[in-house]
Amino acid sequence: MSSIRRTIVSGALALVAIGAAQAQQRPPIGLFGSPPDAMIFYVAHGPADSCGPGCSDWIAAEGAVQWDSYKRLIAIVDRQAGRKLPVVIHSWGVSNLKVASSLGRILRDRGLDATVGTTEVAACAEKADAECFTLKRPGGPLDARLSVSNLICDFACVLTLAGGVHRSLPQAAKVVLSGRSVRNRLAPNIPAEQRESLTEYFGEQHRKYLNEMGIAPDLIDIVDGIGEGGRPVVIPPSDWARLHIVTPQP
């Protein structure tokens, strides 16, 4: 198992989940090897109470969680000069679940709140996705509004959301948990025995992480029960509080 752990640390192997697809692919945010649709972070500004009582500024997190996404979250948070802006998550596509947990830990360590929503940037109106991406890439601030229609929070979203000190979900959102699979971004062919060991290892890491974040163990039991390629499970709003996906509102 020691050789497997060394491979995990290298960042090549990861447990991933397939979330909601996006109609268009944005250009890669990084240099060579950075995949399209990788998660970006930028500051958005909206009308009073846009992101909650007394909240008009937030950090938008949108895209697929990739191997280097945690670096970009740290960078945008460090630029806020001590302001603890809530993070609004909109994840899609194939996401690295290990890194999603890392994003959650960053939120918890920095004392940040988290929720889910689609950030609609005013300057992006009638612009192509690639043009809008160019506007967002520097990190904002950008005038925007939050939309809560047609929201899907997949397992990567839940793992990130779990790190929020206070976490909330709009009632219109859907929490959709899917199966997981092991991927190697450097070498796609993983032996079955290693795949099984890694799936078990990562599963235990997710269980430990969610327990530390205060999420009920039932949630990871649901994910484990889906298996690779299994039918996704929708968690109804009536179970969000029971599973501690959301925190009690003050």
Protein backbone atom coordinates (compact mmCIF):
# COMPACT_ATOMS: atom_id res chain seq x y z
CA MET A 1 0.00 0.00 0.00
CA SER A 2 2.97 2.34 0.50
CA SER A 3 3.61 2.53 -3.26
CA ILE A 4 -0.06 3.33 -3.84
CA ARG A 5 0.06 6.15 -1.29
CA ARG A 6 3.13 7.60 -3.01
CA THR A 7 1.21 7.60 -6.28
CA ILE A 8 -1.76 9.31 -4.61
CA VAL A 9 0.47 12.05 -3.24
CA SER A 10 1.81 12.67 -6.75
CA GLY A 11 -1.69 13.77 -7.79
CA ALA A 12 -1.88 11.51 -10.84
CA LEU A 13 -4.38 9.03 -9.44
CA ALA A 14 -7.71 10.22 -8.11
CA LEU A 15 -11.24 9.11 -7.44
CA VAL A 16 -13.57 11.08 -9.66
CA ALA A 17 -17.29 11.52 -10.06
CA ILE A 18 -19.17 12.60 -13.15
CA GLY A 19 -21.43 15.56 -12.44
CA ALA A 20 -23.75 17.65 -14.56
CA ALA A 21 -22.39 18.41 -18.02
CA GLN A 22 -21.94 21.94 -19.34
CA ALA A 23 -23.14 22.78 -22.85
CA GLN A 24 -19.87 24.45 -23.82
CA GLN A 25 -16.26 23.90 -22.87
CA ARG A 26 -14.23 26.88 -21.74
CA PRO A 27 -10.55 27.16 -22.67
CA PRO A 28 -8.01 25.69 -20.21
CA ILE A 29 -7.29 28.08 -17.34
CA GLY A 30 -3.71 26.91 -16.82
CA LEU A 31 -0.73 26.12 -18.99
CA PHE A 32 0.09 22.84 -20.78
CA GLY A 33 -1.83 19.91 -19.33
CA SER A 34 -4.58 21.99 -17.77
CA PRO A 35 -7.97 20.56 -18.85
CA PRO A 36 -10.85 22.61 -20.28
CA ASP A 37 -13.66 23.51 -17.88
CA ALA A 38 -11.33 23.46 -14.83
CA MET A 39 -12.81 25.35 -11.89
CA ILE A 40 -12.16 29.08 -11.75
CA PHE A 41 -12.66 31.49 -8.86
CA TYR A 42 -13.53 35.16 -9.02
CA VAL A 43 -15.14 37.82 -6.84
CA ALA A 44 -18.67 38.87 -7.75
CA HIS A 45 -20.66 41.88 -6.53
CA GLY A 46 -24.43 42.11 -6.56
CA PRO A 47 -27.30 44.05 -5.03
CA ALA A 48 -27.78 44.18 -1.28
CA ASP A 49 -28.53 40.80 0.31
CA SER A 50 -27.69 38.95 -2.92
CA CYS A 51 -25.83 36.19 -1.08
CA GLY A 52 -27.70 36.42 2.23
CA PRO A 53 -28.61 39.07 4.79
CA GLY A 54 -26.06 41.87 4.57
CA CYS A 55 -24.09 40.05 1.85
CA SER A 56 -23.49 41.55 -1.57
CA ASP A 57 -20.01 40.15 -2.39
CA TRP A 58 -19.04 36.53 -2.85
CA ILE A 59 -16.43 34.25 -4.40
CA ALA A 60 -17.83 32.37 -7.39
CA ALA A 61 -16.42 28.85 -7.81
CA GLU A 62 -17.44 27.36 -11.13
CA GLY A 63 -16.32 24.46 -13.27
CA ALA A 64 -14.93 20.98 -12.75
CA VAL A 65 -12.68 20.40 -9.73
CA GLN A 66 -9.28 19.47 -11.15
CA TRP A 67 -5.92 18.50 -9.68
CA ASP A 68 -4.71 22.10 -9.22
CA SER A 69 -8.00 23.80 -8.25
CA TYR A 70 -6.98 24.17 -4.61
CA LYS A 71 -4.13 26.51 -5.60
CA ARG A 72 -6.56 28.90 -7.26
CA LEU A 73 -8.90 28.91 -4.27
CA ILE A 74 -6.04 29.76 -1.94
CA ALA A 75 -4.89 32.53 -4.29
CA ILE A 76 -8.31 34.22 -4.51
CA VAL A 77 -8.90 33.98 -0.75
CA ASP A 78 -5.46 35.43 -0.01
CA ARG A 79 -6.31 38.45 -2.18
CA GLN A 80 -9.30 39.42 -0.03
CA ALA A 81 -7.29 41.25 2.66
CA GLY A 82 -9.00 39.47 5.51
CA ARG A 83 -12.56 39.70 4.15
CA LYS A 84 -14.38 36.41 4.66
CA LEU A 85 -16.50 36.26 1.55
CA PRO A 86 -18.86 33.29 1.18
CA VAL A 87 -18.06 30.83 -1.61
CA VAL A 88 -20.84 30.08 -4.09
CA ILE A 89 -20.30 26.73 -5.80
CA HIS A 90 -21.35 25.74 -9.30
CA SER A 91 -19.57 22.51 -10.22
CA TRP A 92 -20.03 20.33 -13.27
CA GLY A 93 -18.35 17.60 -15.28
CA VAL A 94 -15.75 15.06 -14.17
CA SER A 95 -14.31 16.26 -10.86
CA ASN A 96 -11.40 15.11 -8.72
CA LEU A 97 -13.00 14.17 -5.41
CA LYS A 98 -9.75 14.24 -3.43
CA VAL A 99 -9.21 17.86 -4.45
CA ALA A 100 -12.87 18.67 -3.72
CA SER A 101 -12.20 17.59 -0.14
CA SER A 102 -9.11 19.82 -0.12
CA LEU A 103 -11.25 22.77 -1.21
CA GLY A 104 -13.59 22.05 1.70
CA ARG A 105 -10.71 21.97 4.15
CA ILE A 106 -9.52 25.35 2.87
CA LEU A 107 -13.00 26.80 3.45
CA ARG A 108 -13.09 25.44 6.99
CA ASP A 109 -9.53 26.56 7.80
CA ARG A 110 -10.29 30.08 6.54
CA GLY A 111 -13.65 30.26 8.32
CA LEU A 112 -15.68 30.75 5.15
CA ASP A 113 -19.36 30.03 4.51
CA ALA A 114 -20.51 28.11 1.45
CA THR A 115 -23.62 27.75 -0.66
CA VAL A 116 -24.61 26.77 -4.19
CA GLY A 117 -25.69 29.00 -7.06
CA THR A 118 -25.03 30.15 -10.59
CA THR A 119 -23.22 33.48 -10.83
CA GLU A 120 -24.50 35.45 -13.81
CA VAL A 121 -22.01 38.17 -14.69
CA ALA A 122 -23.62 41.29 -16.16
CA ALA A 123 -20.77 41.91 -18.62
CA CYS A 124 -21.18 38.39 -20.01
CA ALA A 125 -24.66 39.06 -21.39
CA GLU A 126 -24.84 37.96 -25.03
CA LYS A 127 -21.15 37.05 -25.04
CA ALA A 128 -19.75 33.67 -26.06
CA ASP A 129 -18.56 31.42 -23.24
CA ALA A 130 -14.92 31.91 -24.21
CA GLU A 131 -15.29 35.71 -24.08
CA CYS A 132 -17.00 35.50 -20.69
CA PHE A 133 -14.20 33.26 -19.43
CA THR A 134 -11.66 35.93 -20.42
CA LEU A 135 -13.55 38.46 -18.27
CA LYS A 136 -13.68 36.15 -15.26
CA ARG A 137 -10.15 34.81 -15.39
CA PRO A 138 -8.41 37.81 -13.70
CA GLY A 139 -10.55 37.23 -10.59
CA GLY A 140 -12.94 40.18 -10.54
CA PRO A 141 -14.69 41.91 -8.92
CA LEU A 142 -17.48 41.69 -11.48
CA ASP A 143 -21.05 42.93 -11.22
CA ALA A 144 -23.32 39.91 -11.12
CA ARG A 145 -26.47 38.32 -9.81
CA LEU A 146 -27.11 34.89 -8.33
CA SER A 147 -29.49 32.46 -9.97
CA VAL A 148 -30.84 29.44 -8.10
CA SER A 149 -32.79 27.81 -10.95
CA ASN A 150 -31.77 24.43 -12.40
CA LEU A 151 -29.07 23.89 -9.78
CA ILE A 152 -27.45 20.49 -9.33
CA CYS A 153 -25.03 19.87 -6.45
CA ASP A 154 -23.08 16.70 -7.28
CA PHE A 155 -20.77 14.78 -4.96
CA ALA A 156 -17.82 17.08 -5.69
CA CYS A 157 -20.08 20.01 -4.84
CA VAL A 158 -21.15 18.33 -1.57
CA LEU A 159 -17.54 17.63 -0.59
CA THR A 160 -16.61 21.27 -1.15
CA LEU A 161 -19.77 22.59 0.48
CA ALA A 162 -19.12 20.42 3.54
CA GLY A 163 -16.17 22.61 4.49
CA GLY A 164 -18.28 25.73 4.88
CA VAL A 165 -18.61 26.97 8.45
CA HIS A 166 -22.23 27.73 7.61
CA ARG A 167 -23.54 25.91 4.57
CA SER A 168 -26.84 26.34 2.82
CA LEU A 169 -28.68 25.16 -0.26
CA PRO A 170 -31.49 26.92 -2.12
CA GLN A 171 -34.70 24.89 -1.95
CA ALA A 172 -34.71 24.76 -5.74
CA ALA A 173 -31.37 22.92 -5.81
CA LYS A 174 -31.02 19.19 -6.40
CA VAL A 175 -28.39 17.17 -4.53
CA VAL A 176 -27.46 14.34 -6.88
CA LEU A 177 -24.93 11.72 -5.74
CA SER A 178 -23.32 9.47 -8.31
CA GLY A 179 -20.86 6.58 -8.34
CA ARG A 180 -17.11 7.06 -8.35
CA SER A 181 -14.28 5.69 -10.46
CA VAL A 182 -10.50 5.76 -10.27
CA ARG A 183 -8.73 7.75 -12.98
CA ASN A 184 -5.08 8.32 -13.74
CA ARG A 185 -4.52 11.50 -15.73
CA LEU A 186 -1.08 10.25 -16.82
CA ALA A 187 -1.85 6.59 -17.60
CA PRO A 188 -5.47 5.53 -18.21
CA ASN A 189 -5.04 1.76 -17.77
CA ILE A 190 -5.19 0.90 -14.06
CA PRO A 191 -5.03 -2.79 -13.01
CA ALA A 192 -8.26 -4.08 -11.47
CA GLU A 193 -6.59 -4.96 -8.15
CA GLN A 194 -5.08 -1.51 -7.81
CA ARG A 195 -8.37 0.11 -8.82
CA GLU A 196 -10.19 -1.80 -6.07
CA SER A 197 -7.59 -0.90 -3.44
CA LEU A 198 -7.63 2.76 -4.42
CA THR A 199 -11.42 2.95 -4.43
CA GLU A 200 -11.49 1.54 -0.90
CA TYR A 201 -8.70 3.86 0.24
CA PHE A 202 -10.29 7.01 -1.16
CA GLY A 203 -13.68 5.98 0.16
CA GLU A 204 -12.30 5.77 3.68
CA GLN A 205 -10.63 9.15 3.24
CA HIS A 206 -13.96 10.69 2.20
CA ARG A 207 -15.68 9.08 5.17
CA LYS A 208 -13.06 10.50 7.54
CA TYR A 209 -13.23 13.94 5.94
CA LEU A 210 -17.04 14.17 6.03
CA ASN A 211 -17.05 13.03 9.66
CA GLU A 212 -14.58 15.81 10.52
CA MET A 213 -16.80 18.33 8.72
CA GLY A 214 -19.85 17.19 10.70
CA ILE A 215 -21.67 15.37 7.87
CA ALA A 216 -23.71 12.29 8.84
CA PRO A 217 -22.07 8.96 7.85
CA ASP A 218 -25.27 7.97 6.04
CA LEU A 219 -24.23 10.19 3.14
CA ILE A 220 -21.07 8.25 2.30
CA ASP A 221 -23.01 5.01 2.80
CA ILE A 222 -25.34 6.17 0.02
CA VAL A 223 -22.40 6.92 -2.30
CA ASP A 224 -20.75 3.57 -1.52
CA GLY A 225 -24.01 1.82 -2.33
CA ILE A 226 -24.22 3.37 -5.81
CA GLY A 227 -20.99 1.81 -7.05
CA GLU A 228 -19.20 2.66 -10.29
CA GLY A 229 -21.68 3.30 -13.07
CA GLY A 230 -24.71 2.91 -10.79
CA ARG A 231 -27.88 4.95 -10.94
CA PRO A 232 -27.46 8.40 -9.33
CA VAL A 233 -29.39 9.08 -6.12
CA VAL A 234 -31.25 12.35 -5.51
CA ILE A 235 -31.21 13.48 -1.86
CA PRO A 236 -34.50 15.29 -1.16
CA PRO A 237 -34.49 18.62 0.72
CA SER A 238 -36.19 16.90 3.66
CA ASP A 239 -32.96 14.95 4.26
CA TRP A 240 -30.48 17.83 3.93
CA ALA A 241 -30.66 18.81 7.60
CA ARG A 242 -30.73 15.19 8.81
CA LEU A 243 -27.53 14.44 6.89
CA HIS A 244 -26.07 17.79 8.04
CA ILE A 245 -25.42 18.82 4.45
CA VAL A 246 -26.78 22.18 5.53
CA THR A 247 -26.27 23.82 8.90
CA PRO A 248 -29.08 25.20 11.08
CA GLN A 249 -29.85 28.79 10.23
CA PRO A 250 -29.37 31.31 13.07
